[in-house]
Amino acid sequence: MPTVSSEELAAAAGVNSAKLRKDFSYLGSYGTRGVGYDVEYLVYQISRELGLTQDWPVVIVGIGNLGAALANYGGFASRGFRVAALIDADPAMAGKPVAGIPVQHTDDLEKIIKDNGVSIGVIATPAGAAQPVCDRLVAAGVTSILNFAPTVLSVPDGVDVRKVDLSIELQILAFHEQRKAGEETAVETAAGDGALPAAVPRGAVADDSADQGPDGDVPAVMPA
């Protein structure tokens, strides 16, 4: 059976292997010394803790371009999420199949939630419709919402909201690009001025007296 060591997992995750083993112990998974962890069983244990070993019916409200794309996303089923219904306010959309599921009108939202035992809702509506839709979902019994609408939702205690804002993600990437460009410019400027770069590669700082210069001073930077 396929196995993986804690060192391999720690390297992939960028964490300390001892901490990783301790965290896994909370799942009841201790691995086997010299062998590692059974991959299939470890995946099951993590999935169980995340609540992914059961079927989670989900409704998507707002079947425009984004909502249709989400409905066609194949990753939901493999993670235990079943798209139970697609809902839209446009009467012309009612009955039209998207990803093999007929779209239903928002007039039936409460009944759809109740009939399918839905506790997770996805909002992909325009910003102006998001809060009213959110209020109706919560009133119907939905306690977790994934919000793709470009607005902040107000919900009562006991309701969890996760906001997905693609523009913010792009802004984060732009920040990193700007920072990288600034660092490259600083290094080029320092090199042109004959100054040492601000960031010295690890291992480049000399601390061995055998590498001291003729006057006994330790050079600031040693050759790689």
C-alpha atoms as a PDB file:
ATOM      1  CA  MET A   1       0.000   0.000   0.000  1.00  0.00           C
ATOM      2  CA  PRO A   2       1.288   3.537  -0.737  1.00  0.00           C
ATOM      3  CA  THR A   3       2.858   5.235   2.265  1.00  0.00           C
ATOM      4  CA  VAL A   4       4.382   8.642   2.916  1.00  0.00           C
ATOM      5  CA  SER A   5       6.794   9.771   5.614  1.00  0.00           C
ATOM      6  CA  SER A   6       6.248  12.701   7.942  1.00  0.00           C
ATOM      7  CA  GLU A   7       9.411  14.295   6.529  1.00  0.00           C
ATOM      8  CA  GLU A   8       8.004  14.187   2.991  1.00  0.00           C
ATOM      9  CA  LEU A   9       4.682  15.637   4.109  1.00  0.00           C
ATOM     10  CA  ALA A  10       6.391  18.316   6.183  1.00  0.00           C
ATOM     11  CA  ALA A  11       8.603  19.336   3.257  1.00  0.00           C
ATOM     12  CA  ALA A  12       5.579  19.580   0.954  1.00  0.00           C
ATOM     13  CA  ALA A  13       3.620  21.642   3.498  1.00  0.00           C
ATOM     14  CA  GLY A  14       6.548  23.770   4.614  1.00  0.00           C
ATOM     15  CA  VAL A  15       6.189  22.861   8.287  1.00  0.00           C
ATOM     16  CA  ASN A  16       8.231  21.092  10.962  1.00  0.00           C
ATOM     17  CA  SER A  17       7.960  17.290  10.780  1.00  0.00           C
ATOM     18  CA  ALA A  18       7.701  16.934  14.584  1.00  0.00           C
ATOM     19  CA  LYS A  19       4.780  19.378  14.680  1.00  0.00           C
ATOM     20  CA  LEU A  20       3.142  17.558  11.779  1.00  0.00           C
ATOM     21  CA  ARG A  21       3.380  14.220  13.626  1.00  0.00           C
ATOM     22  CA  LYS A  22       1.899  15.830  16.741  1.00  0.00           C
ATOM     23  CA  ASP A  23      -1.004  17.282  14.753  1.00  0.00           C
ATOM     24  CA  PHE A  24      -1.693  13.921  13.113  1.00  0.00           C
ATOM     25  CA  SER A  25      -1.767  12.293  16.538  1.00  0.00           C
ATOM     26  CA  TYR A  26      -4.885  14.340  17.316  1.00  0.00           C
ATOM     27  CA  LEU A  27      -6.540  12.534  14.402  1.00  0.00           C
ATOM     28  CA  GLY A  28      -5.613   9.204  15.941  1.00  0.00           C
ATOM     29  CA  SER A  29      -3.013   8.628  13.248  1.00  0.00           C
ATOM     30  CA  TYR A  30       0.454   7.745  14.497  1.00  0.00           C
ATOM     31  CA  GLY A  31       2.072   6.172  11.454  1.00  0.00           C
ATOM     32  CA  THR A  32       4.615   3.376  11.613  1.00  0.00           C
ATOM     33  CA  ARG A  33       8.261   4.036  12.421  1.00  0.00           C
ATOM     34  CA  GLY A  34      10.410   3.391   9.382  1.00  0.00           C
ATOM     35  CA  VAL A  35       7.350   3.033   7.157  1.00  0.00           C
ATOM     36  CA  GLY A  36       5.341   6.232   7.464  1.00  0.00           C
ATOM     37  CA  TYR A  37       1.623   6.843   7.032  1.00  0.00           C
ATOM     38  CA  ASP A  38      -0.841   4.820   4.987  1.00  0.00           C
ATOM     39  CA  VAL A  39      -1.866   7.465   2.423  1.00  0.00           C
ATOM     40  CA  GLU A  40      -5.402   6.193   1.854  1.00  0.00           C
ATOM     41  CA  TYR A  41      -6.200   5.932   5.565  1.00  0.00           C
ATOM     42  CA  LEU A  42      -4.629   9.315   6.294  1.00  0.00           C
ATOM     43  CA  VAL A  43      -6.773  10.961   3.605  1.00  0.00           C
ATOM     44  CA  TYR A  44      -9.836   9.327   5.158  1.00  0.00           C
ATOM     45  CA  GLN A  45      -8.953  10.579   8.654  1.00  0.00           C
ATOM     46  CA  ILE A  46      -8.413  14.146   7.467  1.00  0.00           C
ATOM     47  CA  SER A  47     -11.611  14.043   5.397  1.00  0.00           C
ATOM     48  CA  ARG A  48     -13.542  12.773   8.396  1.00  0.00           C
ATOM     49  CA  GLU A  49     -12.303  15.625  10.584  1.00  0.00           C
ATOM     50  CA  LEU A  50     -13.225  18.158   7.883  1.00  0.00           C
ATOM     51  CA  GLY A  51     -16.697  16.683   7.583  1.00  0.00           C
ATOM     52  CA  LEU A  52     -16.096  15.522   4.028  1.00  0.00           C
ATOM     53  CA  THR A  53     -17.059  11.879   4.482  1.00  0.00           C
ATOM     54  CA  GLN A  54     -20.768  12.699   4.323  1.00  0.00           C
ATOM     55  CA  ASP A  55     -22.988  14.097   1.611  1.00  0.00           C
ATOM     56  CA  TRP A  56     -23.460  17.892   1.805  1.00  0.00           C
ATOM     57  CA  PRO A  57     -26.316  19.216  -0.349  1.00  0.00           C
ATOM     58  CA  VAL A  58     -25.587  22.702  -1.664  1.00  0.00           C
ATOM     59  CA  VAL A  59     -27.737  25.258  -3.482  1.00  0.00           C
ATOM     60  CA  ILE A  60     -26.340  27.872  -5.845  1.00  0.00           C
ATOM     61  CA  VAL A  61     -28.342  31.077  -6.141  1.00  0.00           C
ATOM     62  CA  GLY A  62     -27.687  33.263  -9.184  1.00  0.00           C
ATOM     63  CA  ILE A  63     -27.114  31.303 -12.382  1.00  0.00           C
ATOM     64  CA  GLY A  64     -25.340  33.866 -14.515  1.00  0.00           C
ATOM     65  CA  ASN A  65     -21.919  33.207 -16.013  1.00  0.00           C
ATOM     66  CA  LEU A  66     -20.301  32.660 -12.615  1.00  0.00           C
ATOM     67  CA  GLY A  67     -23.133  30.585 -11.185  1.00  0.00           C
ATOM     68  CA  ALA A  68     -23.180  28.386 -14.280  1.00  0.00           C
ATOM     69  CA  ALA A  69     -19.416  27.924 -14.049  1.00  0.00           C
ATOM     70  CA  LEU A  70     -19.748  26.862 -10.409  1.00  0.00           C
ATOM     71  CA  ALA A  71     -22.543  24.452 -11.314  1.00  0.00           C
ATOM     72  CA  ASN A  72     -20.265  22.851 -13.910  1.00  0.00           C
ATOM     73  CA  TYR A  73     -17.308  22.596 -11.538  1.00  0.00           C
ATOM     74  CA  GLY A  74     -16.462  18.930 -11.159  1.00  0.00           C
ATOM     75  CA  GLY A  75     -14.557  19.265  -7.899  1.00  0.00           C
ATOM     76  CA  PHE A  76     -17.610  19.524  -5.638  1.00  0.00           C
ATOM     77  CA  ALA A  77     -18.701  15.886  -5.916  1.00  0.00           C
ATOM     78  CA  SER A  78     -15.219  14.515  -5.256  1.00  0.00           C
ATOM     79  CA  ARG A  79     -15.095  16.448  -1.972  1.00  0.00           C
ATOM     80  CA  GLY A  80     -18.520  15.385  -0.714  1.00  0.00           C
ATOM     81  CA  PHE A  81     -20.573  18.349  -1.936  1.00  0.00           C
ATOM     82  CA  ARG A  82     -23.665  17.699  -4.035  1.00  0.00           C
ATOM     83  CA  VAL A  83     -25.311  20.520  -5.953  1.00  0.00           C
ATOM     84  CA  ALA A  84     -28.902  19.906  -4.911  1.00  0.00           C
ATOM     85  CA  ALA A  85     -30.452  22.853  -6.742  1.00  0.00           C
ATOM     86  CA  LEU A  86     -29.767  25.865  -8.946  1.00  0.00           C
ATOM     87  CA  ILE A  87     -31.892  28.936  -8.261  1.00  0.00           C
ATOM     88  CA  ASP A  88     -32.325  32.147 -10.238  1.00  0.00           C
ATOM     89  CA  ALA A  89     -34.690  35.142 -10.152  1.00  0.00           C
ATOM     90  CA  ASP A  90     -35.082  35.299 -13.948  1.00  0.00           C
ATOM     91  CA  PRO A  91     -38.339  33.558 -14.987  1.00  0.00           C
ATOM     92  CA  ALA A  92     -36.804  32.873 -18.391  1.00  0.00           C
ATOM     93  CA  MET A  93     -34.187  30.670 -16.708  1.00  0.00           C
ATOM     94  CA  ALA A  94     -36.724  28.444 -14.956  1.00  0.00           C
ATOM     95  CA  GLY A  95     -36.565  24.882 -16.215  1.00  0.00           C
ATOM     96  CA  LYS A  96     -33.426  25.392 -18.291  1.00  0.00           C
ATOM     97  CA  PRO A  97     -30.804  22.720 -17.559  1.00  0.00           C
ATOM     98  CA  VAL A  98     -27.377  23.865 -16.407  1.00  0.00           C
ATOM     99  CA  ALA A  99     -24.817  21.126 -15.765  1.00  0.00           C
ATOM    100  CA  GLY A 100     -27.716  18.702 -16.134  1.00  0.00           C
ATOM    101  CA  ILE A 101     -29.742  20.359 -13.361  1.00  0.00           C
ATOM    102  CA  PRO A 102     -32.911  22.334 -14.164  1.00  0.00           C
ATOM    103  CA  VAL A 103     -32.848  25.876 -12.823  1.00  0.00           C
ATOM    104  CA  GLN A 104     -35.613  26.726 -10.341  1.00  0.00           C
ATOM    105  CA  HIS A 105     -37.120  30.131  -9.592  1.00  0.00           C
ATOM    106  CA  THR A 106     -36.338  32.031  -6.381  1.00  0.00           C
ATOM    107  CA  ASP A 107     -40.052  31.947  -5.472  1.00  0.00           C
ATOM    108  CA  ASP A 108     -39.471  28.331  -4.440  1.00  0.00           C
ATOM    109  CA  LEU A 109     -36.245  28.966  -2.501  1.00  0.00           C
ATOM    110  CA  GLU A 110     -37.600  28.148   0.964  1.00  0.00           C
ATOM    111  CA  LYS A 111     -39.268  24.943  -0.220  1.00  0.00           C
ATOM    112  CA  ILE A 112     -36.103  23.853  -2.033  1.00  0.00           C
ATOM    113  CA  ILE A 113     -34.009  24.370   1.106  1.00  0.00           C
ATOM    114  CA  LYS A 114     -36.431  22.401   3.254  1.00  0.00           C
ATOM    115  CA  ASP A 115     -36.990  19.534   0.803  1.00  0.00           C
ATOM    116  CA  ASN A 116     -33.271  18.976   0.265  1.00  0.00           C
ATOM    117  CA  GLY A 117     -32.103  19.523   3.857  1.00  0.00           C
ATOM    118  CA  VAL A 118     -29.681  22.211   2.696  1.00  0.00           C
ATOM    119  CA  SER A 119     -27.412  23.925   5.210  1.00  0.00           C
ATOM    120  CA  ILE A 120     -24.862  25.383   2.759  1.00  0.00           C
ATOM    121  CA  GLY A 121     -25.739  28.034   0.206  1.00  0.00           C
ATOM    122  CA  VAL A 122     -23.647  29.641  -2.523  1.00  0.00           C
ATOM    123  CA  ILE A 123     -24.504  33.198  -3.568  1.00  0.00           C
ATOM    124  CA  ALA A 124     -23.418  34.222  -7.074  1.00  0.00           C
ATOM    125  CA  THR A 125     -25.875  37.048  -7.632  1.00  0.00           C
ATOM    126  CA  PRO A 126     -25.194  40.719  -8.435  1.00  0.00           C
ATOM    127  CA  ALA A 127     -24.231  42.788  -5.379  1.00  0.00           C
ATOM    128  CA  GLY A 128     -27.655  44.405  -4.950  1.00  0.00           C
ATOM    129  CA  ALA A 129     -29.469  41.080  -4.703  1.00  0.00           C
ATOM    130  CA  ALA A 130     -26.988  39.325  -2.425  1.00  0.00           C
ATOM    131  CA  GLN A 131     -28.220  40.549   0.982  1.00  0.00           C
ATOM    132  CA  PRO A 132     -31.927  39.832   0.332  1.00  0.00           C
ATOM    133  CA  VAL A 133     -30.990  36.370  -0.948  1.00  0.00           C
ATOM    134  CA  CYS A 134     -28.773  35.843   2.098  1.00  0.00           C
ATOM    135  CA  ASP A 135     -31.619  36.829   4.439  1.00  0.00           C
ATOM    136  CA  ARG A 136     -33.974  34.352   2.788  1.00  0.00           C
ATOM    137  CA  LEU A 137     -31.402  31.547   2.900  1.00  0.00           C
ATOM    138  CA  VAL A 138     -30.762  32.131   6.599  1.00  0.00           C
ATOM    139  CA  ALA A 139     -34.482  32.326   7.382  1.00  0.00           C
ATOM    140  CA  ALA A 140     -34.978  29.024   5.547  1.00  0.00           C
ATOM    141  CA  GLY A 141     -32.357  27.289   7.684  1.00  0.00           C
ATOM    142  CA  VAL A 142     -29.054  27.739   5.841  1.00  0.00           C
ATOM    143  CA  THR A 143     -26.231  28.224   8.353  1.00  0.00           C
ATOM    144  CA  SER A 144     -23.184  28.427   6.047  1.00  0.00           C
ATOM    145  CA  ILE A 145     -22.817  30.693   3.030  1.00  0.00           C
ATOM    146  CA  LEU A 146     -20.139  30.973   0.355  1.00  0.00           C
ATOM    147  CA  ASN A 147     -20.434  34.474  -1.068  1.00  0.00           C
ATOM    148  CA  PHE A 148     -19.140  35.343  -4.534  1.00  0.00           C
ATOM    149  CA  ALA A 149     -21.108  38.591  -4.762  1.00  0.00           C
ATOM    150  CA  PRO A 150     -18.970  41.755  -4.554  1.00  0.00           C
ATOM    151  CA  THR A 151     -20.471  42.892  -1.271  1.00  0.00           C
ATOM    152  CA  VAL A 152     -20.181  42.215   2.461  1.00  0.00           C
ATOM    153  CA  LEU A 153     -23.090  40.253   3.901  1.00  0.00           C
ATOM    154  CA  SER A 154     -24.649  40.816   7.300  1.00  0.00           C
ATOM    155  CA  VAL A 155     -25.678  37.609   9.062  1.00  0.00           C
ATOM    156  CA  PRO A 156     -26.829  36.708  12.584  1.00  0.00           C
ATOM    157  CA  ASP A 157     -24.717  34.801  15.092  1.00  0.00           C
ATOM    158  CA  GLY A 158     -24.450  31.145  14.253  1.00  0.00           C
ATOM    159  CA  VAL A 159     -24.198  31.695  10.500  1.00  0.00           C
ATOM    160  CA  ASP A 160     -20.790  31.372   8.849  1.00  0.00           C
ATOM    161  CA  VAL A 161     -19.889  33.343   5.729  1.00  0.00           C
ATOM    162  CA  ARG A 162     -16.875  32.865   3.506  1.00  0.00           C
ATOM    163  CA  LYS A 163     -16.335  35.605   0.935  1.00  0.00           C
ATOM    164  CA  VAL A 164     -14.558  34.874  -2.333  1.00  0.00           C
ATOM    165  CA  ASP A 165     -13.322  38.092  -3.959  1.00  0.00           C
ATOM    166  CA  LEU A 166     -11.242  37.462  -7.055  1.00  0.00           C
ATOM    167  CA  SER A 167     -10.242  41.132  -7.341  1.00  0.00           C
ATOM    168  CA  ILE A 168      -8.675  41.011  -3.868  1.00  0.00           C
ATOM    169  CA  GLU A 169      -6.717  37.904  -4.816  1.00  0.00           C
ATOM    170  CA  LEU A 170      -5.406  39.719  -7.887  1.00  0.00           C
ATOM    171  CA  GLN A 171      -4.500  42.734  -5.744  1.00  0.00           C
ATOM    172  CA  ILE A 172      -2.480  40.455  -3.450  1.00  0.00           C
ATOM    173  CA  LEU A 173      -0.601  39.081  -6.444  1.00  0.00           C
ATOM    174  CA  ALA A 174      -0.025  42.612  -7.741  1.00  0.00           C
ATOM    175  CA  PHE A 175       1.439  43.564  -4.355  1.00  0.00           C
ATOM    176  CA  HIS A 176       3.896  40.671  -4.519  1.00  0.00           C
ATOM    177  CA  GLU A 177       4.839  41.581  -8.093  1.00  0.00           C
ATOM    178  CA  GLN A 178       5.444  45.197  -7.060  1.00  0.00           C
ATOM    179  CA  ARG A 179       7.587  44.088  -4.119  1.00  0.00           C
ATOM    180  CA  LYS A 180       9.645  41.732  -6.282  1.00  0.00           C
ATOM    181  CA  ALA A 181      10.205  44.486  -8.834  1.00  0.00           C
ATOM    182  CA  GLY A 182      11.304  46.849  -6.051  1.00  0.00           C
ATOM    183  CA  GLU A 183      13.783  44.319  -4.672  1.00  0.00           C
ATOM    184  CA  GLU A 184      15.270  43.707  -8.118  1.00  0.00           C
ATOM    185  CA  THR A 185      15.644  47.454  -8.683  1.00  0.00           C
ATOM    186  CA  ALA A 186      17.337  47.880  -5.286  1.00  0.00           C
ATOM    187  CA  VAL A 187      19.831  45.092  -6.022  1.00  0.00           C
ATOM    188  CA  GLU A 188      20.624  46.500  -9.470  1.00  0.00           C
ATOM    189  CA  THR A 189      21.129  49.984  -8.022  1.00  0.00           C
ATOM    190  CA  ALA A 190      23.379  48.687  -5.255  1.00  0.00           C
ATOM    191  CA  ALA A 191      25.433  46.686  -7.729  1.00  0.00           C
ATOM    192  CA  GLY A 192      25.818  49.723  -9.971  1.00  0.00           C
ATOM    193  CA  ASP A 193      27.003  51.839  -7.046  1.00  0.00           C
ATOM    194  CA  GLY A 194      29.476  49.203  -5.963  1.00  0.00           C
ATOM    195  CA  ALA A 195      27.578  48.701  -2.694  1.00  0.00           C
ATOM    196  CA  LEU A 196      26.811  45.333  -1.197  1.00  0.00           C
ATOM    197  CA  PRO A 197      23.283  44.002  -1.777  1.00  0.00           C
ATOM    198  CA  ALA A 198      20.957  44.396   1.197  1.00  0.00           C
ATOM    199  CA  ALA A 199      20.114  40.690   1.216  1.00  0.00           C
ATOM    200  CA  VAL A 200      23.137  38.391   1.554  1.00  0.00           C
ATOM    201  CA  PRO A 201      22.600  34.750   0.561  1.00  0.00           C
ATOM    202  CA  ARG A 202      22.517  32.293   3.434  1.00  0.00           C
ATOM    203  CA  GLY A 203      25.984  30.978   4.160  1.00  0.00           C
ATOM    204  CA  ALA A 204      27.646  33.967   2.524  1.00  0.00           C
ATOM    205  CA  VAL A 205      28.562  35.704   5.802  1.00  0.00           C
ATOM    206  CA  ALA A 206      31.993  34.586   6.942  1.00  0.00           C
ATOM    207  CA  ASP A 207      32.455  33.580  10.550  1.00  0.00           C
ATOM    208  CA  ASP A 208      35.581  31.401  10.248  1.00  0.00           C
ATOM    209  CA  SER A 209      38.845  33.032  11.270  1.00  0.00           C
ATOM    210  CA  ALA A 210      40.635  30.943   8.642  1.00  0.00           C
ATOM    211  CA  ASP A 211      38.919  33.051   6.009  1.00  0.00           C
ATOM    212  CA  GLN A 212      40.036  36.380   7.408  1.00  0.00           C
ATOM    213  CA  GLY A 213      41.704  38.954   5.164  1.00  0.00           C
ATOM    214  CA  PRO A 214      45.364  39.927   5.383  1.00  0.00           C
ATOM    215  CA  ASP A 215      44.642  42.547   8.042  1.00  0.00           C
ATOM    216  CA  GLY A 216      42.672  40.098  10.170  1.00  0.00           C
ATOM    217  CA  ASP A 217      39.267  41.597   9.318  1.00  0.00           C
ATOM    218  CA  VAL A 218      36.551  39.201   8.311  1.00  0.00           C
ATOM    219  CA  PRO A 219      35.258  40.052   4.826  1.00  0.00           C
ATOM    220  CA  ALA A 220      31.580  41.070   4.809  1.00  0.00           C
ATOM    221  CA  VAL A 221      30.754  38.716   1.951  1.00  0.00           C
ATOM    222  CA  MET A 222      32.451  35.467   1.013  1.00  0.00           C
ATOM    223  CA  PRO A 223      32.307  33.944  -2.451  1.00  0.00           C
ATOM    224  CA  ALA A 224      29.556  31.363  -2.870  1.00  0.00           C
END
